[in-house]
PDB file of N, CA and C in Angstrom:
ATOM      1  N   MET A   1      53.420 -71.650 -79.602  1.00  0.00           N
ATOM      2  CA  MET A   1      52.708 -70.408 -79.854  1.00  0.00           C
ATOM      3  C   MET A   1      52.519 -70.262 -81.360  1.00  0.00           C
ATOM      4  N   HIS A   2      51.315 -70.554 -81.836  1.00  0.00           N
ATOM      5  CA  HIS A   2      51.058 -70.456 -83.270  1.00  0.00           C
ATOM      6  C   HIS A   2      50.897 -69.012 -83.726  1.00  0.00           C
ATOM      7  N   GLU A   3      50.766 -68.090 -82.795  1.00  0.00           N
ATOM      8  CA  GLU A   3      50.652 -66.684 -83.153  1.00  0.00           C
ATOM      9  C   GLU A   3      51.905 -66.206 -83.897  1.00  0.00           C
ATOM     10  N   LEU A   4      53.074 -66.696 -83.489  1.00  0.00           N
ATOM     11  CA  LEU A   4      54.315 -66.299 -84.155  1.00  0.00           C
ATOM     12  C   LEU A   4      54.328 -66.750 -85.610  1.00  0.00           C
ATOM     13  N   SER A   5      53.886 -67.966 -85.888  1.00  0.00           N
ATOM     14  CA  SER A   5      53.865 -68.430 -87.281  1.00  0.00           C
ATOM     15  C   SER A   5      52.844 -67.637 -88.097  1.00  0.00           C
ATOM     16  N   ILE A   6      51.758 -67.226 -87.481  1.00  0.00           N
ATOM     17  CA  ILE A   6      50.766 -66.403 -88.171  1.00  0.00           C
ATOM     18  C   ILE A   6      51.362 -65.040 -88.504  1.00  0.00           C
ATOM     19  N   VAL A   7      52.044 -64.442 -87.539  1.00  0.00           N
ATOM     20  CA  VAL A   7      52.683 -63.142 -87.770  1.00  0.00           C
ATOM     21  C   VAL A   7      53.739 -63.257 -88.868  1.00  0.00           C
ATOM     22  N   MET A   8      54.510 -64.327 -88.857  1.00  0.00           N
ATOM     23  CA  MET A   8      55.534 -64.504 -89.887  1.00  0.00           C
ATOM     24  C   MET A   8      54.903 -64.653 -91.270  1.00  0.00           C
ATOM     25  N   SER A   9      53.757 -65.306 -91.348  1.00  0.00           N
ATOM     26  CA  SER A   9      53.041 -65.428 -92.622  1.00  0.00           C
ATOM     27  C   SER A   9      52.534 -64.069 -93.100  1.00  0.00           C
ATOM     28  N   ILE A  10      52.037 -63.258 -92.173  1.00  0.00           N
ATOM     29  CA  ILE A  10      51.577 -61.910 -92.515  1.00  0.00           C
ATOM     30  C   ILE A  10      52.745 -61.081 -93.026  1.00  0.00           C
ATOM     31  N   LEU A  11      53.881 -61.177 -92.351  1.00  0.00           N
ATOM     32  CA  LEU A  11      55.088 -60.465 -92.771  1.00  0.00           C
ATOM     33  C   LEU A  11      55.510 -60.897 -94.179  1.00  0.00           C
ATOM     34  N   ASP A  12      55.429 -62.182 -94.457  1.00  0.00           N
ATOM     35  CA  ASP A  12      55.766 -62.707 -95.776  1.00  0.00           C
ATOM     36  C   ASP A  12      54.825 -62.157 -96.854  1.00  0.00           C
ATOM     37  N   ILE A  13      53.540 -62.135 -96.557  1.00  0.00           N
ATOM     38  CA  ILE A  13      52.551 -61.583 -97.501  1.00  0.00           C
ATOM     39  C   ILE A  13      52.853 -60.104 -97.778  1.00  0.00           C
ATOM     40  N   ALA A  14      53.111 -59.350 -96.722  1.00  0.00           N
ATOM     41  CA  ALA A  14      53.398 -57.918 -96.881  1.00  0.00           C
ATOM     42  C   ALA A  14      54.659 -57.704 -97.712  1.00  0.00           C
ATOM     43  N   GLN A  15      55.680 -58.502 -97.442  1.00  0.00           N
ATOM     44  CA  GLN A  15      56.938 -58.368 -98.182  1.00  0.00           C
ATOM     45  C   GLN A  15      56.721 -58.667 -99.665  1.00  0.00           C
ATOM     46  N   LYS A  16      55.990 -59.720 -99.975  1.00  0.00           N
ATOM     47  CA  LYS A  16      55.731 -60.082-101.373  1.00  0.00           C
ATOM     48  C   LYS A  16      54.934 -59.003-102.093  1.00  0.00           C
ATOM     49  N   GLN A  17      53.931 -58.456-101.418  1.00  0.00           N
ATOM     50  CA  GLN A  17      53.113 -57.419-102.044  1.00  0.00           C
ATOM     51  C   GLN A  17      53.905 -56.127-102.232  1.00  0.00           C
ATOM     52  N   ALA A  18      54.746 -55.790-101.275  1.00  0.00           N
ATOM     53  CA  ALA A  18      55.582 -54.596-101.402  1.00  0.00           C
ATOM     54  C   ALA A  18      56.574 -54.766-102.548  1.00  0.00           C
ATOM     55  N   ASN A  19      57.161 -55.949-102.664  1.00  0.00           N
ATOM     56  CA  ASN A  19      58.081 -56.223-103.774  1.00  0.00           C
ATOM     57  C   ASN A  19      57.364 -56.106-105.113  1.00  0.00           C
ATOM     58  N   LYS A  20      56.165 -56.655-105.168  1.00  0.00           N
ATOM     59  CA  LYS A  20      55.379 -56.606-106.405  1.00  0.00           C
ATOM     60  C   LYS A  20      55.090 -55.159-106.813  1.00  0.00           C
ATOM     61  N   ALA A  21      54.852 -54.299-105.823  1.00  0.00           N
ATOM     62  CA  ALA A  21      54.545 -52.884-106.089  1.00  0.00           C
ATOM     63  C   ALA A  21      55.812 -52.025-106.130  1.00  0.00           C
ATOM     64  N   GLN A  22      56.959 -52.653-105.971  1.00  0.00           N
ATOM     65  CA  GLN A  22      58.240 -51.953-105.918  1.00  0.00           C
ATOM     66  C   GLN A  22      58.229 -50.861-104.841  1.00  0.00           C
ATOM     67  N   ALA A  23      57.659 -51.191-103.703  1.00  0.00           N
ATOM     68  CA  ALA A  23      57.550 -50.255-102.578  1.00  0.00           C
ATOM     69  C   ALA A  23      58.690 -50.484-101.594  1.00  0.00           C
ATOM     70  N   GLN A  24      58.991 -49.448-100.846  1.00  0.00           N
ATOM     71  CA  GLN A  24      60.055 -49.516 -99.844  1.00  0.00           C
ATOM     72  C   GLN A  24      59.523 -49.782 -98.445  1.00  0.00           C
ATOM     73  N   ALA A  25      58.252 -49.480 -98.229  1.00  0.00           N
ATOM     74  CA  ALA A  25      57.682 -49.634 -96.891  1.00  0.00           C
ATOM     75  C   ALA A  25      56.181 -49.879 -96.980  1.00  0.00           C
ATOM     76  N   VAL A  26      55.652 -50.392 -95.896  1.00  0.00           N
ATOM     77  CA  VAL A  26      54.210 -50.553 -95.751  1.00  0.00           C
ATOM     78  C   VAL A  26      53.780 -49.548 -94.694  1.00  0.00           C
ATOM     79  N   GLU A  27      52.869 -48.656 -95.065  1.00  0.00           N
ATOM     80  CA  GLU A  27      52.389 -47.622 -94.137  1.00  0.00           C
ATOM     81  C   GLU A  27      51.283 -48.145 -93.227  1.00  0.00           C
ATOM     82  N   GLU A  28      50.412 -48.954 -93.805  1.00  0.00           N
ATOM     83  CA  GLU A  28      49.245 -49.424 -93.060  1.00  0.00           C
ATOM     84  C   GLU A  28      48.920 -50.855 -93.483  1.00  0.00           C
ATOM     85  N   ILE A  29      48.521 -51.649 -92.504  1.00  0.00           N
ATOM     86  CA  ILE A  29      48.044 -52.999 -92.796  1.00  0.00           C
ATOM     87  C   ILE A  29      46.766 -53.220 -91.997  1.00  0.00           C
ATOM     88  N   GLU A  30      45.783 -53.770 -92.673  1.00  0.00           N
ATOM     89  CA  GLU A  30      44.503 -54.054 -92.038  1.00  0.00           C
ATOM     90  C   GLU A  30      44.312 -55.571 -92.048  1.00  0.00           C
ATOM     91  N   LEU A  31      44.137 -56.128 -90.856  1.00  0.00           N
ATOM     92  CA  LEU A  31      43.953 -57.563 -90.696  1.00  0.00           C
ATOM     93  C   LEU A  31      42.542 -57.850 -90.223  1.00  0.00           C
ATOM     94  N   GLU A  32      42.039 -58.980 -90.642  1.00  0.00           N
ATOM     95  CA  GLU A  32      40.745 -59.467 -90.167  1.00  0.00           C
ATOM     96  C   GLU A  32      41.031 -60.752 -89.400  1.00  0.00           C
ATOM     97  N   ILE A  33      40.800 -60.715 -88.089  1.00  0.00           N
ATOM     98  CA  ILE A  33      41.067 -61.861 -87.227  1.00  0.00           C
ATOM     99  C   ILE A  33      39.795 -62.131 -86.429  1.00  0.00           C
ATOM    100  N   GLY A  34      39.052 -63.158 -86.833  1.00  0.00           N
ATOM    101  CA  GLY A  34      37.777 -63.478 -86.200  1.00  0.00           C
ATOM    102  C   GLY A  34      37.923 -63.927 -84.758  1.00  0.00           C
ATOM    103  N   GLU A  35      36.865 -63.708 -84.004  1.00  0.00           N
ATOM    104  CA  GLU A  35      36.836 -64.061 -82.586  1.00  0.00           C
ATOM    105  C   GLU A  35      36.995 -65.559 -82.336  1.00  0.00           C
ATOM    106  N   LEU A  36      36.691 -66.384 -83.319  1.00  0.00           N
ATOM    107  CA  LEU A  36      36.740 -67.835 -83.117  1.00  0.00           C
ATOM    108  C   LEU A  36      38.023 -68.476 -83.653  1.00  0.00           C
ATOM    109  N   THR A  37      39.013 -67.668 -84.012  1.00  0.00           N
ATOM    110  CA  THR A  37      40.246 -68.220 -84.581  1.00  0.00           C
ATOM    111  C   THR A  37      41.132 -68.895 -83.545  1.00  0.00           C
ATOM    112  N   GLY A  38      40.947 -68.568 -82.286  1.00  0.00           N
ATOM    113  CA  GLY A  38      41.795 -69.133 -81.248  1.00  0.00           C
ATOM    114  C   GLY A  38      43.089 -68.364 -81.063  1.00  0.00           C
ATOM    115  N   ILE A  39      43.212 -67.225 -81.721  1.00  0.00           N
ATOM    116  CA  ILE A  39      44.420 -66.414 -81.593  1.00  0.00           C
ATOM    117  C   ILE A  39      44.311 -65.565 -80.321  1.00  0.00           C
ATOM    118  N   GLU A  40      45.292 -65.726 -79.444  1.00  0.00           N
ATOM    119  CA  GLU A  40      45.334 -64.961 -78.202  1.00  0.00           C
ATOM    120  C   GLU A  40      45.892 -63.577 -78.489  1.00  0.00           C
ATOM    121  N   LYS A  41      45.158 -62.547 -78.106  1.00  0.00           N
ATOM    122  CA  LYS A  41      45.550 -61.175 -78.418  1.00  0.00           C
ATOM    123  C   LYS A  41      46.915 -60.812 -77.838  1.00  0.00           C
ATOM    124  N   MET A  42      47.158 -61.144 -76.587  1.00  0.00           N
ATOM    125  CA  MET A  42      48.434 -60.789 -75.960  1.00  0.00           C
ATOM    126  C   MET A  42      49.604 -61.504 -76.640  1.00  0.00           C
ATOM    127  N   SER A  43      49.419 -62.765 -76.972  1.00  0.00           N
ATOM    128  CA  SER A  43      50.476 -63.521 -77.660  1.00  0.00           C
ATOM    129  C   SER A  43      50.718 -62.963 -79.056  1.00  0.00           C
ATOM    130  N   PHE A  44      49.629 -62.614 -79.743  1.00  0.00           N
ATOM    131  CA  PHE A  44      49.755 -62.026 -81.076  1.00  0.00           C
ATOM    132  C   PHE A  44      50.510 -60.706 -81.005  1.00  0.00           C
ATOM    133  N   ASP A  45      50.116 -59.843 -80.066  1.00  0.00           N
ATOM    134  CA  ASP A  45      50.765 -58.536 -79.930  1.00  0.00           C
ATOM    135  C   ASP A  45      52.258 -58.685 -79.638  1.00  0.00           C
ATOM    136  N   PHE A  46      52.612 -59.613 -78.749  1.00  0.00           N
ATOM    137  CA  PHE A  46      54.018 -59.846 -78.427  1.00  0.00           C
ATOM    138  C   PHE A  46      54.778 -60.331 -79.659  1.00  0.00           C
ATOM    139  N   ALA A  47      54.227 -61.325 -80.339  1.00  0.00           N
ATOM    140  CA  ALA A  47      54.875 -61.867 -81.539  1.00  0.00           C
ATOM    141  C   ALA A  47      55.002 -60.789 -82.609  1.00  0.00           C
ATOM    142  N   TRP A  48      53.967 -59.961 -82.766  1.00  0.00           N
ATOM    143  CA  TRP A  48      53.969 -58.892 -83.768  1.00  0.00           C
ATOM    144  C   TRP A  48      55.120 -57.921 -83.515  1.00  0.00           C
ATOM    145  N   LYS A  49      55.234 -57.457 -82.268  1.00  0.00           N
ATOM    146  CA  LYS A  49      56.273 -56.487 -81.929  1.00  0.00           C
ATOM    147  C   LYS A  49      57.672 -57.046 -82.176  1.00  0.00           C
ATOM    148  N   GLN A  50      57.866 -58.300 -81.893  1.00  0.00           N
ATOM    149  CA  GLN A  50      59.172 -58.920 -82.086  1.00  0.00           C
ATOM    150  C   GLN A  50      59.476 -59.137 -83.571  1.00  0.00           C
ATOM    151  N   ALA A  51      58.495 -59.606 -84.320  1.00  0.00           N
ATOM    152  CA  ALA A  51      58.714 -60.006 -85.717  1.00  0.00           C
ATOM    153  C   ALA A  51      58.914 -58.828 -86.665  1.00  0.00           C
ATOM    154  N   ILE A  52      58.292 -57.688 -86.371  1.00  0.00           N
ATOM    155  CA  ILE A  52      58.370 -56.577 -87.330  1.00  0.00           C
ATOM    156  C   ILE A  52      59.627 -55.728 -87.182  1.00  0.00           C
ATOM    157  N   ARG A  53      60.388 -55.955 -86.127  1.00  0.00           N
ATOM    158  CA  ARG A  53      61.633 -55.177 -85.950  1.00  0.00           C
ATOM    159  C   ARG A  53      62.549 -55.355 -87.159  1.00  0.00           C
ATOM    160  N   GLY A  54      62.956 -54.234 -87.731  1.00  0.00           N
ATOM    161  CA  GLY A  54      63.882 -54.269 -88.853  1.00  0.00           C
ATOM    162  C   GLY A  54      63.269 -54.767 -90.155  1.00  0.00           C
ATOM    163  N   SER A  55      61.963 -54.933 -90.182  1.00  0.00           N
ATOM    164  CA  SER A  55      61.290 -55.430 -91.386  1.00  0.00           C
ATOM    165  C   SER A  55      60.575 -54.296 -92.106  1.00  0.00           C
ATOM    166  N   ILE A  56      59.965 -54.652 -93.200  1.00  0.00           N
ATOM    167  CA  ILE A  56      59.183 -53.695 -93.987  1.00  0.00           C
ATOM    168  C   ILE A  56      57.961 -53.186 -93.213  1.00  0.00           C
ATOM    169  N   LEU A  57      57.592 -53.898 -92.148  1.00  0.00           N
ATOM    170  CA  LEU A  57      56.433 -53.517 -91.333  1.00  0.00           C
ATOM    171  C   LEU A  57      56.814 -52.753 -90.067  1.00  0.00           C
ATOM    172  N   GLU A  58      58.076 -52.406 -89.934  1.00  0.00           N
ATOM    173  CA  GLU A  58      58.549 -51.819 -88.672  1.00  0.00           C
ATOM    174  C   GLU A  58      57.760 -50.587 -88.234  1.00  0.00           C
ATOM    175  N   ASN A  59      57.376 -49.726 -89.157  1.00  0.00           N
ATOM    176  CA  ASN A  59      56.665 -48.490 -88.799  1.00  0.00           C
ATOM    177  C   ASN A  59      55.209 -48.496 -89.258  1.00  0.00           C
ATOM    178  N   VAL A  60      54.664 -49.661 -89.448  1.00  0.00           N
ATOM    179  CA  VAL A  60      53.314 -49.790 -89.981  1.00  0.00           C
ATOM    180  C   VAL A  60      52.253 -49.399 -88.950  1.00  0.00           C
ATOM    181  N   GLU A  61      51.158 -48.872 -89.459  1.00  0.00           N
ATOM    182  CA  GLU A  61      49.973 -48.658 -88.621  1.00  0.00           C
ATOM    183  C   GLU A  61      49.133 -49.927 -88.752  1.00  0.00           C
ATOM    184  N   LEU A  62      48.950 -50.623 -87.651  1.00  0.00           N
ATOM    185  CA  LEU A  62      48.227 -51.892 -87.633  1.00  0.00           C
ATOM    186  C   LEU A  62      46.775 -51.660 -87.256  1.00  0.00           C
ATOM    187  N   LYS A  63      45.877 -52.148 -88.103  1.00  0.00           N
ATOM    188  CA  LYS A  63      44.445 -52.098 -87.818  1.00  0.00           C
ATOM    189  C   LYS A  63      43.934 -53.527 -87.828  1.00  0.00           C
ATOM    190  N   ILE A  64      43.221 -53.893 -86.774  1.00  0.00           N
ATOM    191  CA  ILE A  64      42.681 -55.248 -86.678  1.00  0.00           C
ATOM    192  C   ILE A  64      41.171 -55.181 -86.549  1.00  0.00           C
ATOM    193  N   ILE A  65      40.499 -55.867 -87.435  1.00  0.00           N
ATOM    194  CA  ILE A  65      39.042 -56.008 -87.398  1.00  0.00           C
ATOM    195  C   ILE A  65      38.766 -57.365 -86.777  1.00  0.00           C
ATOM    196  N   ARG A  66      37.875 -57.423 -85.793  1.00  0.00           N
ATOM    197  CA  ARG A  66      37.572 -58.666 -85.071  1.00  0.00           C
ATOM    198  C   ARG A  66      36.107 -59.075 -85.307  1.00  0.00           C
ATOM    199  N   PRO A  67      35.819 -59.757 -86.424  1.00  0.00           N
ATOM    200  CA  PRO A  67      34.438 -60.201 -86.652  1.00  0.00           C
ATOM    201  C   PRO A  67      33.963 -61.113 -85.523  1.00  0.00           C
ATOM    202  N   LEU A  68      32.739 -60.895 -85.110  1.00  0.00           N
ATOM    203  CA  LEU A  68      32.132 -61.721 -84.062  1.00  0.00           C
ATOM    204  C   LEU A  68      31.914 -63.138 -84.562  1.00  0.00           C
ATOM    205  N   GLY A  69      31.891 -64.048 -83.622  1.00  0.00           N
ATOM    206  CA  GLY A  69      31.533 -65.421 -83.946  1.00  0.00           C
ATOM    207  C   GLY A  69      30.021 -65.511 -84.086  1.00  0.00           C
ATOM    208  N   ILE A  70      29.560 -65.890 -85.247  1.00  0.00           N
ATOM    209  CA  ILE A  70      28.128 -66.044 -85.508  1.00  0.00           C
ATOM    210  C   ILE A  70      27.890 -67.462 -86.012  1.00  0.00           C
ATOM    211  N   GLY A  71      26.925 -68.129 -85.392  1.00  0.00           N
ATOM    212  CA  GLY A  71      26.591 -69.485 -85.805  1.00  0.00           C
ATOM    213  C   GLY A  71      25.129 -69.601 -86.156  1.00  0.00           C
ATOM    214  N   LYS A  72      24.812 -70.645 -86.914  1.00  0.00           N
ATOM    215  CA  LYS A  72      23.426 -70.944 -87.262  1.00  0.00           C
ATOM    216  C   LYS A  72      23.175 -72.404 -86.925  1.00  0.00           C
ATOM    217  N   CYS A  73      22.176 -72.628 -86.103  1.00  0.00           N
ATOM    218  CA  CYS A  73      21.831 -73.983 -85.699  1.00  0.00           C
ATOM    219  C   CYS A  73      21.327 -74.764 -86.909  1.00  0.00           C
ATOM    220  N   MET A  74      21.860 -75.950 -87.087  1.00  0.00           N
ATOM    221  CA  MET A  74      21.462 -76.779 -88.223  1.00  0.00           C
ATOM    222  C   MET A  74      20.159 -77.531 -87.956  1.00  0.00           C
ATOM    223  N   ASP A  75      19.672 -77.491 -86.702  1.00  0.00           N
ATOM    224  CA  ASP A  75      18.415 -78.151 -86.371  1.00  0.00           C
ATOM    225  C   ASP A  75      17.230 -77.191 -86.343  1.00  0.00           C
ATOM    226  N   CYS A  76      17.398 -76.019 -85.691  1.00  0.00           N
ATOM    227  CA  CYS A  76      16.250 -75.108 -85.560  1.00  0.00           C
ATOM    228  C   CYS A  76      16.427 -73.788 -86.323  1.00  0.00           C
ATOM    229  N   ASP A  77      17.553 -73.612 -87.006  1.00  0.00           N
ATOM    230  CA  ASP A  77      17.863 -72.421 -87.811  1.00  0.00           C
ATOM    231  C   ASP A  77      18.078 -71.141 -87.010  1.00  0.00           C
ATOM    232  N   GLU A  78      18.243 -71.239 -85.695  1.00  0.00           N
ATOM    233  CA  GLU A  78      18.529 -70.066 -84.871  1.00  0.00           C
ATOM    234  C   GLU A  78      19.917 -69.521 -85.230  1.00  0.00           C
ATOM    235  N   VAL A  79      20.010 -68.201 -85.400  1.00  0.00           N
ATOM    236  CA  VAL A  79      21.289 -67.527 -85.635  1.00  0.00           C
ATOM    237  C   VAL A  79      21.663 -66.853 -84.321  1.00  0.00           C
ATOM    238  N   PHE A  80      22.898 -67.078 -83.872  1.00  0.00           N
ATOM    239  CA  PHE A  80      23.289 -66.576 -82.562  1.00  0.00           C
ATOM    240  C   PHE A  80      24.783 -66.268 -82.517  1.00  0.00           C
ATOM    241  N   GLU A  81      25.153 -65.436 -81.532  1.00  0.00           N
ATOM    242  CA  GLU A  81      26.561 -65.096 -81.329  1.00  0.00           C
ATOM    243  C   GLU A  81      27.253 -66.226 -80.577  1.00  0.00           C
ATOM    244  N   MET A  82      28.439 -66.571 -81.049  1.00  0.00           N
ATOM    245  CA  MET A  82      29.230 -67.632 -80.432  1.00  0.00           C
ATOM    246  C   MET A  82      30.445 -67.018 -79.748  1.00  0.00           C
ATOM    247  N   LYS A  83      30.758 -67.484 -78.567  1.00  0.00           N
ATOM    248  CA  LYS A  83      31.956 -67.046 -77.853  1.00  0.00           C
ATOM    249  C   LYS A  83      33.092 -68.050 -78.025  1.00  0.00           C
ATOM    250  N   GLN A  84      32.712 -69.325 -78.236  1.00  0.00           N
ATOM    251  CA  GLN A  84      33.692 -70.390 -78.436  1.00  0.00           C
ATOM    252  C   GLN A  84      33.255 -71.235 -79.622  1.00  0.00           C
ATOM    253  N   ILE A  85      34.210 -71.910 -80.215  1.00  0.00           N
ATOM    254  CA  ILE A  85      33.948 -72.650 -81.445  1.00  0.00           C
ATOM    255  C   ILE A  85      32.969 -73.813 -81.257  1.00  0.00           C
ATOM    256  N   PHE A  86      32.868 -74.336 -80.044  1.00  0.00           N
ATOM    257  CA  PHE A  86      31.983 -75.474 -79.803  1.00  0.00           C
ATOM    258  C   PHE A  86      30.688 -75.091 -79.081  1.00  0.00           C
ATOM    259  N   ASP A  87      30.302 -73.822 -79.129  1.00  0.00           N
ATOM    260  CA  ASP A  87      29.054 -73.398 -78.492  1.00  0.00           C
ATOM    261  C   ASP A  87      27.859 -74.094 -79.134  1.00  0.00           C
ATOM    262  N   ALA A  88      26.953 -74.555 -78.290  1.00  0.00           N
ATOM    263  CA  ALA A  88      25.717 -75.184 -78.764  1.00  0.00           C
ATOM    264  C   ALA A  88      24.654 -74.114 -78.978  1.00  0.00           C
ATOM    265  N   CYS A  89      23.619 -74.468 -79.691  1.00  0.00           N
ATOM    266  CA  CYS A  89      22.492 -73.558 -79.926  1.00  0.00           C
ATOM    267  C   CYS A  89      21.857 -73.170 -78.589  1.00  0.00           C
ATOM    268  N   PRO A  90      21.651 -71.879 -78.351  1.00  0.00           N
ATOM    269  CA  PRO A  90      21.050 -71.460 -77.081  1.00  0.00           C
ATOM    270  C   PRO A  90      19.558 -71.785 -76.992  1.00  0.00           C
ATOM    271  N   ILE A  91      18.924 -72.081 -78.114  1.00  0.00           N
ATOM    272  CA  ILE A  91      17.491 -72.367 -78.116  1.00  0.00           C
ATOM    273  C   ILE A  91      17.215 -73.855 -77.910  1.00  0.00           C
ATOM    274  N   CYS A  92      17.755 -74.683 -78.801  1.00  0.00           N
ATOM    275  CA  CYS A  92      17.448 -76.123 -78.739  1.00  0.00           C
ATOM    276  C   CYS A  92      18.598 -76.960 -78.177  1.00  0.00           C
ATOM    277  N   LYS A  93      19.724 -76.312 -77.883  1.00  0.00           N
ATOM    278  CA  LYS A  93      20.915 -76.962 -77.308  1.00  0.00           C
ATOM    279  C   LYS A  93      21.617 -77.936 -78.254  1.00  0.00           C
ATOM    280  N   SER A  94      21.286 -77.896 -79.521  1.00  0.00           N
ATOM    281  CA  SER A  94      21.918 -78.771 -80.499  1.00  0.00           C
ATOM    282  C   SER A  94      23.397 -78.404 -80.655  1.00  0.00           C
ATOM    283  N   PRO A  95      24.273 -79.401 -80.740  1.00  0.00           N
ATOM    284  CA  PRO A  95      25.688 -79.118 -80.978  1.00  0.00           C
ATOM    285  C   PRO A  95      26.013 -78.933 -82.465  1.00  0.00           C
ATOM    286  N   PHE A  96      25.023 -79.124 -83.319  1.00  0.00           N
ATOM    287  CA  PHE A  96      25.236 -79.040 -84.766  1.00  0.00           C
ATOM    288  C   PHE A  96      25.020 -77.605 -85.240  1.00  0.00           C
ATOM    289  N   VAL A  97      26.129 -76.888 -85.327  1.00  0.00           N
ATOM    290  CA  VAL A  97      26.095 -75.460 -85.628  1.00  0.00           C
ATOM    291  C   VAL A  97      27.010 -75.182 -86.813  1.00  0.00           C
ATOM    292  N   ALA A  98      26.502 -74.427 -87.778  1.00  0.00           N
ATOM    293  CA  ALA A  98      27.314 -73.964 -88.903  1.00  0.00           C
ATOM    294  C   ALA A  98      27.869 -72.591 -88.534  1.00  0.00           C
ATOM    295  N   ILE A  99      29.178 -72.431 -88.607  1.00  0.00           N
ATOM    296  CA  ILE A  99      29.806 -71.154 -88.274  1.00  0.00           C
ATOM    297  C   ILE A  99      29.697 -70.230 -89.486  1.00  0.00           C
ATOM    298  N   LYS A 100      29.054 -69.097 -89.283  1.00  0.00           N
ATOM    299  CA  LYS A 100      28.845 -68.126 -90.359  1.00  0.00           C
ATOM    300  C   LYS A 100      29.931 -67.056 -90.393  1.00  0.00           C
ATOM    301  N   SER A 101      30.467 -66.693 -89.240  1.00  0.00           N
ATOM    302  CA  SER A 101      31.582 -65.740 -89.188  1.00  0.00           C
ATOM    303  C   SER A 101      32.329 -65.921 -87.880  1.00  0.00           C
ATOM    304  N   GLY A 102      33.533 -65.376 -87.866  1.00  0.00           N
ATOM    305  CA  GLY A 102      34.362 -65.455 -86.673  1.00  0.00           C
ATOM    306  C   GLY A 102      35.616 -66.285 -86.866  1.00  0.00           C
ATOM    307  N   LYS A 103      35.748 -66.988 -88.006  1.00  0.00           N
ATOM    308  CA  LYS A 103      36.923 -67.806 -88.291  1.00  0.00           C
ATOM    309  C   LYS A 103      37.862 -67.114 -89.293  1.00  0.00           C
ATOM    310  N   GLU A 104      37.564 -65.868 -89.648  1.00  0.00           N
ATOM    311  CA  GLU A 104      38.356 -65.149 -90.637  1.00  0.00           C
ATOM    312  C   GLU A 104      39.777 -64.913 -90.126  1.00  0.00           C
ATOM    313  N   LEU A 105      40.712 -65.059 -91.015  1.00  0.00           N
ATOM    314  CA  LEU A 105      42.107 -64.753 -90.729  1.00  0.00           C
ATOM    315  C   LEU A 105      42.743 -64.370 -92.063  1.00  0.00           C
ATOM    316  N   ARG A 106      42.809 -63.054 -92.309  1.00  0.00           N
ATOM    317  CA  ARG A 106      43.317 -62.600 -93.589  1.00  0.00           C
ATOM    318  C   ARG A 106      43.887 -61.185 -93.514  1.00  0.00           C
ATOM    319  N   VAL A 107      44.776 -60.921 -94.461  1.00  0.00           N
ATOM    320  CA  VAL A 107      45.247 -59.555 -94.672  1.00  0.00           C
ATOM    321  C   VAL A 107      44.212 -58.915 -95.567  1.00  0.00           C
ATOM    322  N   LYS A 108      43.503 -57.942 -95.010  1.00  0.00           N
ATOM    323  CA  LYS A 108      42.426 -57.311 -95.762  1.00  0.00           C
ATOM    324  C   LYS A 108      42.946 -56.233 -96.706  1.00  0.00           C
ATOM    325  N   SER A 109      43.933 -55.448 -96.243  1.00  0.00           N
ATOM    326  CA  SER A 109      44.494 -54.420 -97.126  1.00  0.00           C
ATOM    327  C   SER A 109      45.891 -54.016 -96.663  1.00  0.00           C
ATOM    328  N   LEU A 110      46.637 -53.475 -97.616  1.00  0.00           N
ATOM    329  CA  LEU A 110      47.986 -52.937 -97.365  1.00  0.00           C
ATOM    330  C   LEU A 110      48.089 -51.588 -98.060  1.00  0.00           C
ATOM    331  N   VAL A 111      48.734 -50.634 -97.415  1.00  0.00           N
ATOM    332  CA  VAL A 111      49.060 -49.373 -98.046  1.00  0.00           C
ATOM    333  C   VAL A 111      50.583 -49.323 -98.090  1.00  0.00           C
ATOM    334  N   VAL A 112      51.135 -49.296 -99.312  1.00  0.00           N
ATOM    335  CA  VAL A 112      52.589 -49.303 -99.477  1.00  0.00           C
ATOM    336  C   VAL A 112      53.083 -47.998-100.074  1.00  0.00           C
ATOM    337  N   THR A 113      54.360 -47.697 -99.789  1.00  0.00           N
ATOM    338  CA  THR A 113      54.974 -46.490-100.351  1.00  0.00           C
ATOM    339  C   THR A 113      56.315 -46.833-100.969  1.00  0.00           C
TER     340      THR A 113
END
């Protein structure tokens, strides 16, 4: 379950930023997790609840932004929504697609106190 390692990395980032700001707690964290990252929501939620116990994130308000998967066909230039990372162009069926969004995985913001 790679979701646990992702959550642990987020916890590490939050801890470092809180230390840098000399904060005691994180009130809010905003994450950007694209639809094409392969992160399972239920697994992430389970890992999140377990990992934040007793941590600086224990009482945090979690906000998750889920950018849609958007691709651009490299053959016909069609821009389209992708549901999976290997989706082909719906117009020309080309498998050569540049992913424009949906692979984001980042801590977008933290509110510390």
